[in-house]
Amino acid sequence: MGAGRHEALDLFDAAADAVAEVLAETTDWGPSGLRHSQYAFDVSADEACLGVLHLAGVAVLSEESGITGDAGAPVVIVDPVDGSTNASRGVPWFATALCLMVEGRAEVALVANHATGQRWRAVVGGGASLDGRPISTSGQTELSKSIVAMSGLPSHHYGWAQFRSFGASAPDLCLVASGVTDAWCDMNDGGHGVWDYAASMLICLEAGAAVAEVHDRDLFTLDHRARRTPVAAATPELLEVILEHRRADA
């Protein structure tokens, strides 16, 4: 694959389409038996996704299969099916997430919600979009007026207006970018691999959101073993107050 960002988006669309085909044909929604919390369709979706990506000459860091491909090539971080449990139970909130990394920098991202057909995209420096329409955050600065989505349970009420827990961090974070929710917070310490959030974090950043890692670690790691605690909010002011509460939990 060349370095073109639009070419990368076309590639990501093709990879997401390949996963969609697997899910449309899936009849076995049970566990894979290979590792904890992995489903049989996770493995099939990963194979389909990697088949598209490797033909383009990129290296891949996948939740399901680790790091594969040419070590000297740009790396695509991928979660073939984020929200696998949702998918297995018929909850319409699960997605393929892809993020192109070039020299350690997130450059291009796609999150495709297979249940709704929505596709969020971002190119670094070029803004973010949902189904081709530019998006931006809600601009909310006050926690008391915010709808905060989360993964896991907090130790105390932070003072938000309402909260949500949808069960798939990649599309969850895209709701912050779209202005649907005002913030998202990982309440599990080190609960996420980079494939869970990398694409969405770039989309959030390009939509004007403020993002952080609770323990100030680099979010865009290429270490398959690393776990992080990401947070995103519509504004820096809102992020600051959420981090204050979240770090009190840590």
Foldseek 3Di string as FASTA:
>chain_A
DDPDQVVVVVLVVQLQVQLLVLLVPDDFLACPVPDPPHRPSQVVSVVSSVVSVVVVQAWEAELVPGIDGDPPHWYKYKYSWFQSVCSSVVNQFIWIKIFTADPLDTAKIWIARSSPRWIKIDGVVPAIDIPPHGAAAQLDQDQLDFEEEEADDAPDDLNHVHYHYRRQQQVVLVCRLRHNGFKYWYLDALPDFLNRPVRSVNNHVRRPKDKAWLVRDDSRDSDSPGGTIMMIGRHPNNVVSVSVRSNVRD
